Amino acid sequence: MENVEILGSTELQTQILLLKAKKSNNETELNQSFKELTQPFFIPKPAEKETVNEVQDSKRAFINLSKMVVNKATNYAIEQKFGQKRSFTDFLASMAIDLLATPFINKKVAAFVSKITN
């Protein structure tokens, strides 16, 4: 910063105004630079959002499938233990039917309910 000789109050006020304007410009540039620097870290791009959503959806689907398999296996074990004897192939067939029928039924029920409400 250069030293400017100030002789009067008007020059002082002018110098103060110039310094305030320079400070304001520097702050604006700094804020803009900071936004440009931090934006990629805090605001994901749309493609990254889609990828994150796909990963989360696949994790949810895997968790739901795992829960269903554990529930079915538990039911099979209970049935074997307490009387209702089924073969393992019958168990697998019923599980496959559940896996295939559940999404179909859910879609049909949702469509049916939406037609009723409209």
N, C-alpha and C. Protein backbone atom coordinates (compact mmCIF):
# COMPACT_ATOMS: atom_id res chain seq x y z
N MET A 1 0.85 -1.16 0.00
CA MET A 1 0.00 0.00 0.00
C MET A 1 0.90 1.23 0.00
N GLU A 2 0.55 2.10 -0.84
CA GLU A 2 1.38 3.30 -0.96
C GLU A 2 0.93 4.38 0.03
N ASN A 3 1.85 5.12 0.48
CA ASN A 3 1.53 6.22 1.40
C ASN A 3 1.15 7.44 0.58
N VAL A 4 0.00 8.01 0.90
CA VAL A 4 -0.49 9.20 0.20
C VAL A 4 -0.51 10.33 1.21
N GLU A 5 0.06 11.43 0.79
CA GLU A 5 0.07 12.58 1.68
C GLU A 5 -1.29 13.25 1.62
N ILE A 6 -1.88 13.39 2.80
CA ILE A 6 -3.22 13.98 2.90
C ILE A 6 -3.07 15.37 3.52
N LEU A 7 -3.55 16.38 2.78
CA LEU A 7 -3.39 17.75 3.23
C LEU A 7 -4.65 18.34 3.85
N GLY A 8 -5.82 17.82 3.44
CA GLY A 8 -7.05 18.40 3.96
C GLY A 8 -8.07 17.33 4.30
N SER A 9 -9.16 17.79 4.89
CA SER A 9 -10.20 16.85 5.31
C SER A 9 -10.92 16.23 4.12
N THR A 10 -11.05 16.97 3.02
CA THR A 10 -11.71 16.40 1.84
C THR A 10 -10.86 15.29 1.24
N GLU A 11 -9.54 15.48 1.21
CA GLU A 11 -8.65 14.43 0.72
C GLU A 11 -8.71 13.21 1.64
N LEU A 12 -8.81 13.45 2.93
CA LEU A 12 -8.93 12.35 3.89
C LEU A 12 -10.21 11.57 3.65
N GLN A 13 -11.32 12.27 3.47
CA GLN A 13 -12.58 11.60 3.22
C GLN A 13 -12.54 10.83 1.90
N THR A 14 -11.94 11.42 0.89
CA THR A 14 -11.81 10.75 -0.40
C THR A 14 -10.97 9.49 -0.27
N GLN A 15 -9.86 9.60 0.43
CA GLN A 15 -8.97 8.44 0.64
C GLN A 15 -9.70 7.34 1.42
N ILE A 16 -10.49 7.73 2.44
CA ILE A 16 -11.26 6.75 3.22
C ILE A 16 -12.27 6.04 2.33
N LEU A 17 -12.96 6.79 1.48
CA LEU A 17 -13.93 6.18 0.56
C LEU A 17 -13.26 5.22 -0.42
N LEU A 18 -12.09 5.62 -0.94
CA LEU A 18 -11.35 4.74 -1.85
C LEU A 18 -10.92 3.45 -1.14
N LEU A 19 -10.44 3.57 0.07
CA LEU A 19 -10.02 2.38 0.82
C LEU A 19 -11.20 1.47 1.14
N LYS A 20 -12.36 2.07 1.48
CA LYS A 20 -13.55 1.26 1.75
C LYS A 20 -14.00 0.53 0.49
N ALA A 21 -13.95 1.20 -0.67
CA ALA A 21 -14.33 0.56 -1.93
C ALA A 21 -13.37 -0.58 -2.27
N LYS A 22 -12.08 -0.33 -2.05
CA LYS A 22 -11.08 -1.37 -2.32
C LYS A 22 -11.29 -2.57 -1.40
N LYS A 23 -11.59 -2.29 -0.13
CA LYS A 23 -11.85 -3.36 0.84
C LYS A 23 -13.08 -4.17 0.42
N SER A 24 -14.13 -3.48 -0.01
CA SER A 24 -15.36 -4.15 -0.43
C SER A 24 -15.09 -5.05 -1.65
N ASN A 25 -14.33 -4.53 -2.62
CA ASN A 25 -13.99 -5.33 -3.80
C ASN A 25 -13.16 -6.54 -3.42
N ASN A 26 -12.19 -6.35 -2.54
CA ASN A 26 -11.36 -7.48 -2.10
C ASN A 26 -12.19 -8.54 -1.38
N GLU A 27 -13.15 -8.11 -0.53
CA GLU A 27 -14.00 -9.06 0.17
C GLU A 27 -14.88 -9.84 -0.81
N THR A 28 -15.41 -9.13 -1.81
CA THR A 28 -16.25 -9.78 -2.82
C THR A 28 -15.44 -10.84 -3.59
N GLU A 29 -14.23 -10.47 -4.00
CA GLU A 29 -13.36 -11.41 -4.71
C GLU A 29 -13.02 -12.61 -3.82
N LEU A 30 -12.74 -12.36 -2.57
CA LEU A 30 -12.41 -13.43 -1.64
C LEU A 30 -13.58 -14.37 -1.44
N ASN A 31 -14.78 -13.81 -1.25
CA ASN A 31 -15.97 -14.65 -1.10
C ASN A 31 -16.22 -15.49 -2.34
N GLN A 32 -16.08 -14.89 -3.52
CA GLN A 32 -16.29 -15.61 -4.77
C GLN A 32 -15.26 -16.73 -4.92
N SER A 33 -14.02 -16.44 -4.62
CA SER A 33 -12.97 -17.46 -4.70
C SER A 33 -13.23 -18.60 -3.72
N PHE A 34 -13.68 -18.25 -2.52
CA PHE A 34 -13.97 -19.27 -1.52
C PHE A 34 -15.14 -20.16 -1.96
N LYS A 35 -16.17 -19.54 -2.54
CA LYS A 35 -17.31 -20.32 -3.04
C LYS A 35 -16.87 -21.27 -4.15
N GLU A 36 -16.05 -20.78 -5.07
CA GLU A 36 -15.56 -21.62 -6.16
C GLU A 36 -14.71 -22.77 -5.64
N LEU A 37 -13.98 -22.50 -4.59
CA LEU A 37 -13.12 -23.53 -4.02
C LEU A 37 -13.91 -24.59 -3.27
N THR A 38 -14.91 -24.16 -2.51
CA THR A 38 -15.63 -25.11 -1.65
C THR A 38 -16.85 -25.73 -2.31
N GLN A 39 -17.35 -25.18 -3.38
CA GLN A 39 -18.57 -25.69 -4.00
C GLN A 39 -18.48 -27.16 -4.39
N PRO A 40 -17.41 -27.63 -5.01
CA PRO A 40 -17.37 -29.06 -5.35
C PRO A 40 -17.43 -29.99 -4.14
N PHE A 41 -17.01 -29.52 -2.99
CA PHE A 41 -17.01 -30.38 -1.81
C PHE A 41 -18.37 -30.47 -1.14
N PHE A 42 -19.14 -29.40 -1.17
CA PHE A 42 -20.39 -29.35 -0.42
C PHE A 42 -21.63 -29.50 -1.28
N ILE A 43 -21.55 -29.19 -2.56
CA ILE A 43 -22.70 -29.30 -3.43
C ILE A 43 -22.36 -30.32 -4.53
N PRO A 44 -22.86 -31.56 -4.39
CA PRO A 44 -22.53 -32.56 -5.40
C PRO A 44 -23.19 -32.24 -6.73
N LYS A 45 -22.56 -32.68 -7.78
CA LYS A 45 -23.09 -32.47 -9.12
C LYS A 45 -24.28 -33.41 -9.31
N PRO A 46 -25.17 -33.09 -10.26
CA PRO A 46 -26.34 -33.95 -10.46
C PRO A 46 -25.98 -35.40 -10.77
N ALA A 47 -24.93 -35.63 -11.54
CA ALA A 47 -24.53 -37.00 -11.86
C ALA A 47 -24.10 -37.73 -10.59
N GLU A 48 -23.40 -37.03 -9.70
CA GLU A 48 -22.99 -37.64 -8.45
C GLU A 48 -24.19 -37.93 -7.56
N LYS A 49 -25.20 -37.05 -7.58
CA LYS A 49 -26.41 -37.29 -6.81
C LYS A 49 -27.11 -38.55 -7.29
N GLU A 50 -27.19 -38.71 -8.62
CA GLU A 50 -27.83 -39.90 -9.18
C GLU A 50 -27.08 -41.16 -8.77
N THR A 51 -25.75 -41.11 -8.81
CA THR A 51 -24.95 -42.26 -8.42
C THR A 51 -25.18 -42.59 -6.95
N VAL A 52 -25.20 -41.57 -6.10
CA VAL A 52 -25.44 -41.79 -4.67
C VAL A 52 -26.83 -42.39 -4.47
N ASN A 53 -27.84 -41.87 -5.18
CA ASN A 53 -29.19 -42.41 -5.05
C ASN A 53 -29.27 -43.85 -5.51
N GLU A 54 -28.57 -44.17 -6.61
CA GLU A 54 -28.56 -45.55 -7.10
C GLU A 54 -27.92 -46.48 -6.09
N VAL A 55 -26.82 -46.05 -5.49
CA VAL A 55 -26.15 -46.88 -4.49
C VAL A 55 -27.05 -47.08 -3.28
N GLN A 56 -27.69 -46.00 -2.84
CA GLN A 56 -28.59 -46.11 -1.68
C GLN A 56 -29.78 -47.01 -2.00
N ASP A 57 -30.33 -46.89 -3.22
CA ASP A 57 -31.45 -47.75 -3.61
C ASP A 57 -31.03 -49.21 -3.67
N SER A 58 -29.83 -49.47 -4.20
CA SER A 58 -29.37 -50.86 -4.27
C SER A 58 -29.10 -51.41 -2.87
N LYS A 59 -28.58 -50.56 -1.97
CA LYS A 59 -28.38 -51.01 -0.59
C LYS A 59 -29.71 -51.33 0.07
N ARG A 60 -30.71 -50.47 -0.15
CA ARG A 60 -32.04 -50.72 0.42
C ARG A 60 -32.62 -52.01 -0.11
N ALA A 61 -32.49 -52.23 -1.42
CA ALA A 61 -33.02 -53.45 -2.02
C ALA A 61 -32.31 -54.67 -1.45
N PHE A 62 -31.00 -54.58 -1.29
CA PHE A 62 -30.25 -55.70 -0.72
C PHE A 62 -30.67 -55.96 0.72
N ILE A 63 -30.84 -54.90 1.50
CA ILE A 63 -31.26 -55.06 2.89
C ILE A 63 -32.65 -55.67 2.96
N ASN A 64 -33.57 -55.19 2.10
CA ASN A 64 -34.92 -55.75 2.09
C ASN A 64 -34.91 -57.22 1.69
N LEU A 65 -34.11 -57.56 0.70
CA LEU A 65 -33.99 -58.95 0.28
C LEU A 65 -33.40 -59.80 1.40
N SER A 66 -32.38 -59.27 2.07
CA SER A 66 -31.76 -60.01 3.18
C SER A 66 -32.77 -60.24 4.30
N LYS A 67 -33.55 -59.21 4.62
CA LYS A 67 -34.57 -59.38 5.67
C LYS A 67 -35.58 -60.45 5.28
N MET A 68 -35.99 -60.44 4.02
CA MET A 68 -36.97 -61.42 3.57
C MET A 68 -36.39 -62.83 3.65
N VAL A 69 -35.15 -62.99 3.23
CA VAL A 69 -34.52 -64.32 3.28
C VAL A 69 -34.39 -64.79 4.73
N VAL A 70 -33.97 -63.91 5.61
CA VAL A 70 -33.84 -64.29 7.03
C VAL A 70 -35.21 -64.66 7.60
N ASN A 71 -36.24 -63.87 7.27
CA ASN A 71 -37.58 -64.20 7.76
C ASN A 71 -38.06 -65.54 7.23
N LYS A 72 -37.84 -65.78 5.95
CA LYS A 72 -38.26 -67.06 5.35
C LYS A 72 -37.49 -68.22 5.97
N ALA A 73 -36.20 -68.06 6.13
CA ALA A 73 -35.39 -69.14 6.72
C ALA A 73 -35.83 -69.41 8.16
N THR A 74 -36.13 -68.36 8.89
CA THR A 74 -36.61 -68.53 10.27
C THR A 74 -37.95 -69.25 10.28
N ASN A 75 -38.85 -68.84 9.40
CA ASN A 75 -40.14 -69.53 9.31
C ASN A 75 -39.98 -71.00 8.93
N TYR A 76 -39.07 -71.27 8.01
CA TYR A 76 -38.82 -72.66 7.60
C TYR A 76 -38.29 -73.47 8.78
N ALA A 77 -37.35 -72.90 9.51
CA ALA A 77 -36.79 -73.61 10.66
C ALA A 77 -37.85 -73.87 11.72
N ILE A 78 -38.71 -72.89 11.96
CA ILE A 78 -39.78 -73.06 12.95
C ILE A 78 -40.76 -74.13 12.48
N GLU A 79 -41.11 -74.11 11.20
CA GLU A 79 -42.03 -75.11 10.66
C GLU A 79 -41.43 -76.51 10.77
N GLN A 80 -40.14 -76.63 10.50
CA GLN A 80 -39.49 -77.94 10.60
C GLN A 80 -39.46 -78.43 12.04
N LYS A 81 -39.23 -77.52 12.94
CA LYS A 81 -39.11 -77.88 14.35
C LYS A 81 -40.46 -78.24 14.97
N PHE A 82 -41.51 -77.50 14.61
CA PHE A 82 -42.79 -77.66 15.29
C PHE A 82 -43.86 -78.32 14.44
N GLY A 83 -43.47 -79.14 13.51
CA GLY A 83 -44.47 -80.01 12.93
C GLY A 83 -44.72 -79.92 11.46
N GLN A 84 -44.88 -78.77 10.87
CA GLN A 84 -45.26 -78.70 9.48
C GLN A 84 -44.03 -79.01 8.62
N LYS A 85 -43.91 -80.27 8.22
CA LYS A 85 -42.72 -80.70 7.48
C LYS A 85 -42.90 -80.41 6.00
N ARG A 86 -41.99 -79.62 5.47
CA ARG A 86 -41.96 -79.33 4.04
C ARG A 86 -40.57 -79.66 3.52
N SER A 87 -40.50 -79.99 2.27
CA SER A 87 -39.18 -80.23 1.69
C SER A 87 -38.52 -78.88 1.41
N PHE A 88 -37.22 -78.94 1.27
CA PHE A 88 -36.48 -77.70 1.03
C PHE A 88 -36.84 -77.11 -0.33
N THR A 89 -37.15 -77.96 -1.32
CA THR A 89 -37.55 -77.46 -2.63
C THR A 89 -38.89 -76.72 -2.56
N ASP A 90 -39.81 -77.21 -1.71
CA ASP A 90 -41.07 -76.48 -1.51
C ASP A 90 -40.80 -75.11 -0.89
N PHE A 91 -39.87 -75.09 0.05
CA PHE A 91 -39.49 -73.82 0.67
C PHE A 91 -38.93 -72.85 -0.36
N LEU A 92 -38.01 -73.33 -1.22
CA LEU A 92 -37.43 -72.47 -2.25
C LEU A 92 -38.49 -72.02 -3.25
N ALA A 93 -39.41 -72.89 -3.59
CA ALA A 93 -40.48 -72.52 -4.52
C ALA A 93 -41.37 -71.42 -3.93
N SER A 94 -41.72 -71.58 -2.66
CA SER A 94 -42.56 -70.55 -2.04
C SER A 94 -41.81 -69.22 -1.93
N MET A 95 -40.52 -69.30 -1.68
CA MET A 95 -39.72 -68.08 -1.59
C MET A 95 -39.64 -67.40 -2.96
N ALA A 96 -39.45 -68.19 -4.02
CA ALA A 96 -39.40 -67.62 -5.37
C ALA A 96 -40.73 -66.98 -5.74
N ILE A 97 -41.82 -67.62 -5.37
CA ILE A 97 -43.14 -67.05 -5.65
C ILE A 97 -43.32 -65.74 -4.90
N ASP A 98 -42.89 -65.71 -3.65
CA ASP A 98 -42.96 -64.46 -2.88
C ASP A 98 -42.14 -63.36 -3.53
N LEU A 99 -40.92 -63.70 -3.96
CA LEU A 99 -40.05 -62.69 -4.58
C LEU A 99 -40.65 -62.15 -5.86
N LEU A 100 -41.28 -62.99 -6.64
CA LEU A 100 -41.86 -62.55 -7.91
C LEU A 100 -43.22 -61.89 -7.73
N ALA A 101 -44.01 -62.39 -6.80
CA ALA A 101 -45.38 -61.89 -6.66
C ALA A 101 -45.46 -60.59 -5.88
N THR A 102 -44.59 -60.40 -4.91
CA THR A 102 -44.70 -59.22 -4.05
C THR A 102 -44.60 -57.90 -4.83
N PRO A 103 -43.60 -57.71 -5.70
CA PRO A 103 -43.56 -56.43 -6.45
C PRO A 103 -44.78 -56.27 -7.37
N PHE A 104 -45.21 -57.38 -7.98
CA PHE A 104 -46.37 -57.32 -8.87
C PHE A 104 -47.61 -56.91 -8.10
N ILE A 105 -47.82 -57.53 -6.96
CA ILE A 105 -48.98 -57.21 -6.13
C ILE A 105 -48.90 -55.77 -5.64
N ASN A 106 -47.72 -55.34 -5.21
CA ASN A 106 -47.57 -53.97 -4.72
C ASN A 106 -47.90 -52.95 -5.81
N LYS A 107 -47.45 -53.21 -7.05
CA LYS A 107 -47.75 -52.29 -8.15
C LYS A 107 -49.25 -52.27 -8.44
N LYS A 108 -49.87 -53.44 -8.47
CA LYS A 108 -51.30 -53.51 -8.75
C LYS A 108 -52.11 -52.84 -7.65
N VAL A 109 -51.72 -53.06 -6.40
CA VAL A 109 -52.43 -52.44 -5.29
C VAL A 109 -52.28 -50.92 -5.36
N ALA A 110 -51.06 -50.45 -5.65
CA ALA A 110 -50.84 -49.00 -5.74
C ALA A 110 -51.66 -48.40 -6.87
N ALA A 111 -51.71 -49.09 -8.01
CA ALA A 111 -52.50 -48.60 -9.14
C ALA A 111 -54.00 -48.61 -8.80
N PHE A 112 -54.43 -49.66 -8.12
CA PHE A 112 -55.83 -49.77 -7.71
C PHE A 112 -56.21 -48.66 -6.74
N VAL A 113 -55.36 -48.43 -5.77
CA VAL A 113 -55.63 -47.38 -4.78
C VAL A 113 -55.62 -46.00 -5.45
N SER A 114 -54.70 -45.78 -6.37
CA SER A 114 -54.65 -44.47 -7.04
C SER A 114 -55.89 -44.26 -7.90
N LYS A 115 -56.43 -45.33 -8.51
CA LYS A 115 -57.67 -45.20 -9.30
C LYS A 115 -58.85 -44.91 -8.39
N ILE A 116 -58.86 -45.52 -7.21
CA ILE A 116 -59.95 -45.29 -6.28
C ILE A 116 -59.94 -43.84 -5.78
N THR A 117 -58.76 -43.34 -5.47
CA THR A 117 -58.66 -41.98 -4.92
C THR A 117 -58.95 -40.92 -5.97
N ASN A 118 -58.72 -41.24 -7.24
CA ASN A 118 -58.98 -40.25 -8.31
C ASN A 118 -60.39 -40.28 -8.69
